[in-house]
N, C-alpha and C. Protein backbone atom coordinates (compact mmCIF):
# COMPACT_ATOMS: atom_id res chain seq x y z
N MET A 1 0.77 -1.05 -0.22
CA MET A 1 0.03 0.03 0.13
C MET A 1 0.65 1.27 -0.05
N ASN A 2 0.57 2.37 -0.34
CA ASN A 2 1.26 3.68 -0.83
C ASN A 2 0.88 4.24 -0.02
N ILE A 3 1.52 4.95 1.04
CA ILE A 3 0.80 5.98 1.94
C ILE A 3 1.49 7.46 1.43
N HIS A 4 0.46 8.38 0.90
CA HIS A 4 0.69 9.82 0.96
C HIS A 4 0.74 10.80 1.74
N ILE A 5 1.70 11.43 2.08
CA ILE A 5 2.13 12.55 2.69
C ILE A 5 1.81 13.96 2.54
N LEU A 6 0.88 14.51 3.03
CA LEU A 6 0.81 15.97 2.10
C LEU A 6 2.19 16.89 2.60
N SER A 7 2.44 17.66 2.11
CA SER A 7 3.83 18.32 2.70
C SER A 7 3.33 19.37 3.44
N CYS A 8 2.06 19.92 3.81
CA CYS A 8 2.26 20.37 5.01
C CYS A 8 2.10 19.38 6.39
N ALA A 9 2.10 18.27 5.87
CA ALA A 9 2.29 17.33 7.35
C ALA A 9 3.47 17.07 7.38
N GLU A 10 4.61 16.66 6.53
CA GLU A 10 5.91 16.82 6.21
C GLU A 10 6.72 18.09 7.23
N GLN A 11 5.70 18.99 7.02
CA GLN A 11 6.63 20.27 7.21
C GLN A 11 6.44 20.36 8.98
N GLU A 12 5.13 19.83 9.39
CA GLU A 12 4.86 19.70 10.85
C GLU A 12 5.34 18.31 11.60
N LEU A 13 6.05 17.73 10.62
CA LEU A 13 6.47 16.54 10.91
C LEU A 13 8.11 17.11 11.16
N ALA A 14 8.40 18.11 10.35
CA ALA A 14 9.79 18.45 10.44
C ALA A 14 9.70 19.41 11.69
N GLU A 15 8.99 20.07 11.89
CA GLU A 15 8.86 21.08 13.16
C GLU A 15 8.50 20.28 14.40
N ALA A 16 8.09 19.13 14.44
CA ALA A 16 7.80 18.34 15.83
C ALA A 16 9.20 17.83 16.19
N VAL A 17 10.14 17.21 15.34
CA VAL A 17 11.08 16.83 15.40
C VAL A 17 12.22 17.78 16.01
N ASP A 18 12.02 18.93 15.23
CA ASP A 18 13.18 20.13 15.88
C ASP A 18 12.79 20.10 17.36
N TYR A 19 11.57 20.39 17.49
CA TYR A 19 10.82 20.80 18.59
C TYR A 19 11.08 19.57 19.94
N TYR A 20 11.10 18.25 19.65
CA TYR A 20 11.35 17.31 20.62
C TYR A 20 12.76 17.28 20.69
N ASN A 21 14.02 17.46 19.87
CA ASN A 21 15.15 17.66 19.53
C ASN A 21 15.71 18.79 20.92
N GLU A 22 14.74 19.77 20.60
CA GLU A 22 15.12 20.63 21.57
C GLU A 22 14.56 20.51 22.93
N GLN A 23 14.03 19.79 23.26
CA GLN A 23 13.44 19.37 24.97
C GLN A 23 14.76 18.43 25.36
N CYS A 24 15.17 17.77 24.40
CA CYS A 24 16.29 16.63 24.52
C CYS A 24 16.97 16.04 23.81
N PRO A 25 18.23 16.55 23.56
CA PRO A 25 18.93 16.09 21.89
C PRO A 25 18.44 14.52 21.87
N GLY A 26 18.35 14.33 20.42
CA GLY A 26 17.91 12.58 20.03
C GLY A 26 16.51 12.55 20.38
N LEU A 27 15.99 13.34 20.86
CA LEU A 27 14.25 12.67 21.42
C LEU A 27 13.80 12.83 20.07
N GLY A 28 13.59 13.87 18.96
CA GLY A 28 13.15 14.21 17.71
C GLY A 28 13.37 13.39 17.01
N TYR A 29 14.46 12.51 16.95
CA TYR A 29 14.83 11.26 16.17
C TYR A 29 14.18 10.03 16.32
N GLU A 30 13.93 9.81 17.87
CA GLU A 30 12.91 8.86 18.26
C GLU A 30 11.68 9.25 18.07
N PHE A 31 11.09 10.38 18.04
CA PHE A 31 9.90 10.51 17.22
C PHE A 31 9.72 10.05 15.94
N ALA A 32 10.82 10.74 15.10
CA ALA A 32 10.66 10.29 14.00
C ALA A 32 10.78 8.63 13.57
N ALA A 33 11.58 8.17 14.36
CA ALA A 33 11.66 6.64 13.66
C ALA A 33 9.74 6.01 14.54
N GLU A 34 9.15 6.49 15.37
CA GLU A 34 8.01 5.99 15.96
C GLU A 34 7.17 6.05 14.85
N VAL A 35 7.18 7.46 14.19
CA VAL A 35 6.03 7.74 13.41
C VAL A 35 6.31 6.80 11.84
N ASN A 36 7.73 6.53 12.01
CA ASN A 36 7.99 5.65 10.63
C ASN A 36 7.45 4.21 10.66
N ASN A 37 7.72 3.99 12.33
CA ASN A 37 7.15 2.52 12.74
C ASN A 37 5.51 2.21 12.36
N THR A 38 5.06 3.53 13.03
CA THR A 38 3.50 3.85 12.80
C THR A 38 3.12 3.85 11.44
N LEU A 39 3.56 4.67 10.87
CA LEU A 39 3.22 4.13 8.86
C LEU A 39 3.92 2.93 8.38
N GLY A 40 4.33 2.05 9.05
CA GLY A 40 4.57 1.14 8.73
C GLY A 40 3.46 0.28 9.01
N ARG A 41 2.91 0.01 10.23
CA ARG A 41 1.61 -0.33 10.83
C ARG A 41 0.54 -0.27 9.66
N ILE A 42 0.42 0.91 9.55
CA ILE A 42 -0.64 1.52 8.61
C ILE A 42 -0.49 0.75 7.14
N SER A 43 0.63 1.05 6.78
CA SER A 43 0.66 0.10 5.25
C SER A 43 0.47 -1.62 5.54
N SER A 44 0.99 -1.96 6.67
CA SER A 44 0.58 -3.63 6.73
C SER A 44 -0.96 -3.92 6.95
N PHE A 45 -1.56 -3.18 7.68
CA PHE A 45 -2.80 -3.38 8.13
C PHE A 45 -3.75 -1.84 7.73
N PRO A 46 -3.99 -1.87 6.61
CA PRO A 46 -4.68 -0.25 6.13
C PRO A 46 -6.06 -0.12 6.89
N ASP A 47 -6.81 -1.25 7.37
CA ASP A 47 -7.94 -1.51 7.55
C ASP A 47 -8.16 -1.69 8.91
N ALA A 48 -6.88 -1.81 9.90
CA ALA A 48 -7.04 -2.32 11.40
C ALA A 48 -7.79 -0.63 12.04
N TRP A 49 -7.35 0.28 11.50
CA TRP A 49 -7.89 1.51 12.21
C TRP A 49 -8.78 1.85 12.42
N PRO A 50 -9.51 2.55 13.53
CA PRO A 50 -11.18 3.41 13.46
C PRO A 50 -11.16 4.27 12.71
N HIS A 51 -12.51 4.77 12.10
CA HIS A 51 -12.51 5.75 11.14
C HIS A 51 -12.43 7.01 12.18
N PHE A 52 -11.84 7.88 11.43
CA PHE A 52 -12.10 9.17 12.06
C PHE A 52 -13.07 10.32 11.49
N SER A 53 -13.20 9.95 10.22
CA SER A 53 -14.20 10.40 9.22
C SER A 53 -14.62 9.46 8.04
N ASP A 54 -15.06 9.92 7.00
CA ASP A 54 -15.50 8.93 6.29
C ASP A 54 -14.60 8.50 5.61
N ARG A 55 -13.60 9.20 5.08
CA ARG A 55 -12.36 8.87 4.20
C ARG A 55 -10.87 8.80 5.24
N THR A 56 -11.40 8.96 5.99
CA THR A 56 -9.94 9.09 7.09
C THR A 56 -9.99 7.96 8.58
N ARG A 57 -8.83 7.41 8.62
CA ARG A 57 -8.74 6.15 9.79
C ARG A 57 -7.54 7.03 10.60
N ARG A 58 -7.54 6.52 11.97
CA ARG A 58 -6.89 7.64 12.77
C ARG A 58 -5.98 6.14 13.76
N CYS A 59 -4.59 6.19 13.39
CA CYS A 59 -3.60 5.18 13.87
C CYS A 59 -2.60 6.31 14.65
N MET A 60 -2.84 5.73 16.35
CA MET A 60 -1.95 6.56 16.65
C MET A 60 -0.74 5.96 17.59
N THR A 61 0.53 6.61 17.18
CA THR A 61 1.61 6.48 17.33
C THR A 61 1.63 5.83 19.11
N ASN A 62 2.69 5.21 19.15
CA ASN A 62 2.94 4.30 20.53
C ASN A 62 3.48 5.06 21.84
N ARG A 63 4.05 5.95 21.36
CA ARG A 63 5.03 6.66 22.42
C ARG A 63 4.58 8.13 22.74
N PHE A 64 4.11 8.51 21.91
CA PHE A 64 4.47 10.07 21.64
C PHE A 64 2.84 11.16 21.46
N PRO A 65 2.17 11.33 22.16
CA PRO A 65 0.95 12.05 21.77
C PRO A 65 0.72 12.81 20.61
């Protein structure tokens, strides 16, 4: 399954990585890895997540809010 990430979401992810790295060096990279793991779960099991709207499902990361 292909996952398409909007450019605004990519920008928000980059900002979150920077924010977490400012809080604790390396934490932003751990966050990015967790997002990557979550995207892998979504790719493997695309229908496993509850509907958020008619065209959207929500899959939360394990460690970060």
